[in-house]
Protein backbone atom coordinates (compact mmCIF):
# COMPACT_ATOMS: atom_id res chain seq x y z
CA MET A 1 -13.54 -2.72 -17.00
CA LEU A 2 -12.37 0.07 -14.77
CA SER A 3 -8.59 0.95 -15.07
CA LYS A 4 -5.77 0.14 -13.56
CA ARG A 5 -4.37 2.36 -11.06
CA ILE A 6 -0.56 3.73 -10.87
CA ILE A 7 0.60 4.46 -7.31
CA PRO A 8 3.44 5.77 -6.05
CA CYS A 9 4.51 4.99 -2.16
CA LEU A 10 6.21 6.99 -0.04
CA ASP A 11 7.94 5.32 3.05
CA VAL A 12 8.55 7.73 5.78
CA ARG A 13 11.06 7.39 8.63
CA SER A 14 11.60 10.81 11.05
CA GLY A 15 10.05 12.81 8.28
CA LYS A 16 12.64 11.63 5.66
CA LEU A 17 11.76 9.61 2.48
CA THR A 18 13.01 6.03 2.73
CA LYS A 19 13.51 2.60 1.32
CA GLY A 20 14.91 -0.51 2.35
CA ILE A 21 15.01 -3.89 1.14
CA LYS A 22 12.66 -6.90 2.64
CA PHE A 23 11.39 -4.02 5.24
CA ARG A 24 15.16 -4.13 6.49
CA GLY A 25 18.45 -1.80 5.73
CA ASN A 26 16.50 1.26 4.97
CA ILE A 27 18.51 4.59 4.02
CA ASP A 28 17.26 8.11 3.30
CA ILE A 29 16.43 9.00 -0.47
CA GLY A 30 14.83 12.65 -0.54
CA ASP A 31 11.97 14.39 1.06
CA PRO A 32 8.21 12.86 1.09
CA VAL A 33 6.48 16.60 0.03
CA THR A 34 9.04 16.96 -2.99
CA ALA A 35 8.39 13.64 -4.17
CA ALA A 36 5.09 13.52 -3.24
CA CYS A 37 4.31 16.74 -6.28
CA LYS A 38 6.60 15.03 -8.66
CA TYR A 39 4.74 12.27 -8.83
CA TYR A 40 1.41 14.26 -9.31
CA GLU A 41 2.90 16.25 -11.93
CA GLU A 42 3.78 13.17 -13.90
CA GLY A 43 0.25 11.79 -13.80
CA ALA A 44 0.30 9.41 -10.47
CA ASP A 45 -3.32 8.16 -10.20
CA GLU A 46 -2.70 7.89 -6.14
CA ILE A 47 -0.50 8.79 -3.40
CA VAL A 48 0.59 6.29 -0.49
CA PHE A 49 2.20 8.07 2.72
CA TYR A 50 3.58 5.00 5.01
CA ASP A 51 4.40 6.47 8.49
CA ILE A 52 6.99 3.22 9.10
CA THR A 53 7.52 3.11 12.39
CA ALA A 54 4.99 4.98 13.88
CA SER A 55 3.50 1.34 15.27
CA SER A 56 6.67 0.15 16.46
CA ASP A 57 7.28 3.22 17.95
CA GLY A 58 4.27 3.49 19.41
CA ARG A 59 3.40 7.26 18.97
CA ALA A 60 1.42 8.81 16.56
CA ILE A 61 1.96 9.58 12.93
CA MET A 62 3.54 12.55 11.84
CA ILE A 63 0.52 14.70 10.97
CA GLU A 64 2.47 17.62 9.42
CA VAL A 65 4.17 15.86 7.45
CA VAL A 66 0.58 14.35 5.92
CA ARG A 67 -1.06 18.19 5.94
CA LYS A 68 2.14 19.69 3.54
CA VAL A 69 1.56 16.50 1.01
CA ALA A 70 -2.15 16.87 1.32
CA GLU A 71 -2.04 20.78 0.23
CA ARG A 72 0.34 20.13 -2.44
CA ILE A 73 -1.64 17.07 -4.67
CA PHE A 74 -4.96 16.75 -5.86
CA ILE A 75 -5.66 13.76 -6.23
CA PRO A 76 -6.56 10.77 -3.89
CA PHE A 77 -4.26 9.98 -1.33
CA SER A 78 -3.89 7.51 1.15
CA VAL A 79 -1.57 7.48 4.93
CA GLY A 80 -1.14 4.87 7.08
CA GLY A 81 1.20 4.15 9.95
CA GLY A 82 0.65 4.23 13.69
CA ILE A 83 -3.65 4.97 13.22
CA ARG A 84 -5.39 3.51 16.28
CA SER A 85 -8.60 4.46 16.69
CA VAL A 86 -11.41 6.47 15.11
CA GLU A 87 -9.81 9.62 16.33
CA ASP A 88 -6.64 9.42 14.52
CA MET A 89 -8.48 8.55 11.30
CA ARG A 90 -10.06 11.35 11.82
CA GLN A 91 -7.04 13.63 12.62
CA VAL A 92 -5.65 12.29 9.03
CA ILE A 93 -8.91 12.92 7.06
CA LEU A 94 -8.89 16.56 8.68
CA ALA A 95 -5.04 16.92 7.51
CA GLY A 96 -6.38 16.12 3.95
CA ALA A 97 -6.11 12.44 3.13
CA GLU A 98 -9.03 10.90 1.52
CA LYS A 99 -7.97 7.10 2.32
CA ILE A 100 -6.70 5.97 5.83
CA SER A 101 -4.54 2.40 5.93
CA VAL A 102 -4.33 0.54 9.00
CA ASN A 103 -2.35 -2.87 9.38
CA SER A 104 -0.64 -3.80 12.14
CA GLU A 105 -3.70 -2.18 14.75
CA ALA A 106 -6.15 -3.48 12.60
CA VAL A 107 -5.20 -6.93 13.23
CA LYS A 108 -4.75 -6.08 17.12
CA ASN A 109 -8.16 -4.49 17.06
CA PRO A 110 -10.21 -5.62 13.96
CA PRO A 111 -13.54 -4.35 15.14
CA LEU A 112 -11.21 -0.78 14.40
CA ILE A 113 -11.89 -1.14 10.54
CA THR A 114 -16.22 -1.83 10.92
CA GLU A 115 -16.16 1.59 13.35
CA GLY A 116 -13.67 3.14 11.01
CA ALA A 117 -15.91 2.26 8.13
CA LYS A 118 -19.13 3.10 9.93
CA ALA A 119 -17.57 6.56 10.54
CA PHE A 120 -16.49 7.73 6.99
CA GLY A 121 -17.27 5.11 4.70
CA SER A 122 -15.83 1.75 3.69
CA GLN A 123 -14.52 3.45 0.54
CA CYS A 124 -12.16 5.33 3.09
CA VAL A 125 -10.70 2.25 4.65
CA VAL A 126 -7.63 0.50 3.28
CA LEU A 127 -6.13 -2.46 4.83
CA GLY A 128 -2.79 -2.67 4.88
CA MET A 129 -1.18 -6.21 4.95
CA ASP A 130 2.70 -7.16 5.33
CA VAL A 131 2.75 -10.98 4.19
CA LYS A 132 5.60 -13.44 4.24
CA LYS A 133 5.75 -16.86 2.75
CA THR A 134 6.05 -19.50 5.31
CA GLU A 135 5.17 -23.31 5.54
CA ARG A 136 1.30 -24.34 5.04
CA SER A 137 0.15 -25.77 7.90
CA ASN A 138 -3.37 -25.98 9.49
CA GLN A 139 -3.21 -22.78 11.19
CA ILE A 140 -1.30 -21.27 7.66
CA PRO A 141 -3.31 -23.41 4.93
CA SER A 142 -2.45 -20.72 2.54
CA GLY A 143 1.49 -20.80 2.92
CA TYR A 144 1.20 -16.56 3.62
CA GLU A 145 1.43 -15.28 6.93
CA ILE A 146 0.44 -11.89 8.47
CA VAL A 147 3.49 -9.91 9.96
CA ILE A 148 2.99 -6.52 12.09
CA HIS A 149 5.01 -3.59 13.36
CA GLY A 150 6.85 -2.98 10.52
CA GLY A 151 7.84 -6.57 9.69
CA ARG A 152 8.72 -7.29 12.59
CA ILE A 153 6.74 -9.81 14.53
CA PRO A 154 4.81 -12.89 12.66
CA THR A 155 1.44 -13.34 13.60
CA GLY A 156 0.60 -16.84 12.86
CA ILE A 157 -2.11 -15.71 11.34
CA ASP A 158 -3.31 -16.68 7.65
CA ALA A 159 -3.16 -14.05 5.32
CA LEU A 160 -5.92 -15.30 2.89
CA ARG A 161 -8.31 -15.73 6.13
CA TRP A 162 -7.73 -12.40 7.39
CA ALA A 163 -7.92 -10.54 3.89
CA LYS A 164 -11.85 -12.26 3.72
CA GLU A 165 -12.61 -10.93 7.39
CA ALA A 166 -11.22 -7.99 7.21
CA GLU A 167 -13.91 -7.46 3.98
CA GLN A 168 -16.55 -8.86 5.87
CA LEU A 169 -15.97 -6.20 8.75
CA GLY A 170 -15.69 -3.21 6.28
CA ALA A 171 -12.49 -2.39 4.51
CA GLY A 172 -12.73 -1.09 1.04
CA GLU A 173 -9.83 -1.95 -0.70
CA ILE A 174 -6.80 -4.01 0.58
CA CYS A 175 -2.65 -2.90 0.20
CA LEU A 176 -1.51 -6.00 -0.36
CA ASN A 177 2.86 -5.78 0.27
CA SER A 178 4.90 -8.78 0.18
CA ILE A 179 7.80 -8.69 2.09
CA ASP A 180 9.91 -11.22 0.77
CA ALA A 181 9.51 -9.19 -2.53
CA ASP A 182 9.70 -5.88 -1.06
CA GLY A 183 12.75 -3.67 -2.36
CA THR A 184 14.29 -6.14 -4.68
CA GLN A 185 12.94 -4.81 -7.62
CA GLU A 186 12.67 -8.41 -8.96
CA GLY A 187 8.60 -8.91 -9.37
CA TYR A 188 5.84 -8.38 -7.05
CA GLU A 189 4.18 -11.98 -5.63
CA ILE A 190 2.10 -13.03 -8.16
CA GLN A 191 0.76 -15.92 -6.86
CA LEU A 192 -0.11 -14.11 -3.31
CA THR A 193 -2.11 -11.31 -5.56
CA LYS A 194 -3.79 -13.73 -7.57
CA MET A 195 -5.46 -15.63 -4.68
CA ILE A 196 -5.91 -12.35 -2.20
CA SER A 197 -7.59 -10.41 -5.79
CA GLU A 198 -9.99 -13.57 -6.83
CA ALA A 199 -10.93 -14.40 -3.12
CA VAL A 200 -12.39 -10.59 -2.09
CA GLY A 201 -14.64 -8.90 -3.71
CA ILE A 202 -12.97 -5.42 -2.86
CA PRO A 203 -9.76 -3.45 -5.16
CA VAL A 204 -6.73 -5.33 -4.24
CA ILE A 205 -3.83 -2.69 -4.99
CA ALA A 206 -0.30 -5.14 -5.47
CA SER A 207 3.06 -4.02 -3.51
CA GLY A 208 6.21 -5.22 -3.31
CA GLY A 209 8.98 -5.85 -5.92
CA ALA A 210 8.38 -3.45 -9.07
CA GLY A 211 11.48 -3.09 -10.43
CA LYS A 212 10.66 -2.95 -14.35
CA PRO A 213 6.99 -1.88 -16.53
CA GLU A 214 6.42 -5.59 -17.57
CA HIS A 215 6.14 -6.09 -13.21
CA LEU A 216 3.15 -4.03 -13.13
CA ARG A 217 1.97 -5.69 -16.74
CA ASP A 218 2.38 -9.14 -15.38
CA VAL A 219 0.67 -8.25 -11.65
CA LEU A 220 -1.99 -6.04 -12.95
CA THR A 221 -3.34 -9.05 -15.77
CA LYS A 222 -1.69 -12.25 -14.73
CA GLY A 223 -2.07 -11.51 -10.93
CA SER A 224 -5.81 -9.79 -11.06
CA ALA A 225 -4.31 -6.62 -9.32
CA ASP A 226 -6.21 -3.83 -9.87
CA ALA A 227 -3.65 -1.40 -8.75
CA ALA A 228 0.10 -1.26 -8.26
CA LEU A 229 2.36 -0.16 -5.76
CA ILE A 230 5.83 1.32 -6.78
CA ALA A 231 8.65 3.29 -5.15
CA SER A 232 12.44 2.38 -6.32
CA MET A 233 11.75 2.50 -9.84
CA VAL A 234 10.59 6.15 -9.59
CA HIS A 235 12.22 7.23 -6.47
CA TYR A 236 15.79 6.13 -7.45
CA GLU A 237 14.82 7.79 -11.21
CA THR A 238 15.32 4.44 -13.29
CA TYR A 239 11.35 5.22 -14.86
CA THR A 240 8.81 8.31 -14.95
CA ILE A 241 5.55 7.61 -14.17
CA ARG A 242 4.79 8.48 -18.07
CA ALA A 243 6.88 6.08 -18.80
CA ILE A 244 5.33 3.15 -17.04
CA LYS A 245 1.74 4.11 -18.45
CA SER A 246 2.89 4.28 -22.07
CA PHE A 247 4.62 0.89 -21.63
CA LEU A 248 1.03 -0.18 -20.19
CA ALA A 249 -1.03 1.41 -22.88
CA ALA A 250 1.05 -0.13 -25.65
CA SER A 251 0.55 -3.37 -23.75
CA GLY A 252 -2.93 -3.47 -23.59
CA VAL A 253 -3.74 -2.78 -19.82
CA LYS A 254 -6.49 -0.18 -19.21
CA ILE A 255 -4.81 2.80 -17.70
CA ARG A 256 -5.93 6.86 -16.93
CA THR A 257 -3.63 8.73 -19.29
CA SER A 258 -3.51 12.84 -19.25
CA TRP A 259 -1.74 13.05 -22.95
């Protein structure tokens, strides 16, 4: 069994580390470069960086901030936000990222996933999925809908169908974010995570809702996730990454340790 990964998430707006609840009410809470260095030193397995307003603003990602983070950390680094073409992907990789996360543009232009996978390998292409619970229907039989542009625009696309399609198109990993759980610190959306994880053969990162180590344990075991994204619980220094990993190891979850 592969070790489960613990991945701090840096949501960045106008160059500042920011955090909201259910994609709303964001406040700036610090410097993303400083935070990335701190989490790297504490034992994070990867770092995820999202320029959260690039797509909705119709602009390119803040590549200088990406470069500054990449210069300071030496673990896998995934970057998303405003990526619309293979050339955008190339620029992010040249800035130091190992993985590119595509979300809104992939929904609007699915061949982008295939083009990225052909250019850089499937292992470099992460599908970001922002998902909201809705009524089950013929169009959305799973009861979970894809929402794009930072949670602003519902698409009418079924989350389960899109995950399977993206895997076929060449995505090497899925970062699955529950909008309903995001920032609440009340736990991940276990049902959603388990459904997607069991339907695809690529790794699934659970995102949205982490508030205490027990939440990570549950999503990595009951939810069958391969990795867990965390934000508020470390941004506000409620827990350290080492404390989270120690709890998980004591709970029988296979994780990477550096001590």
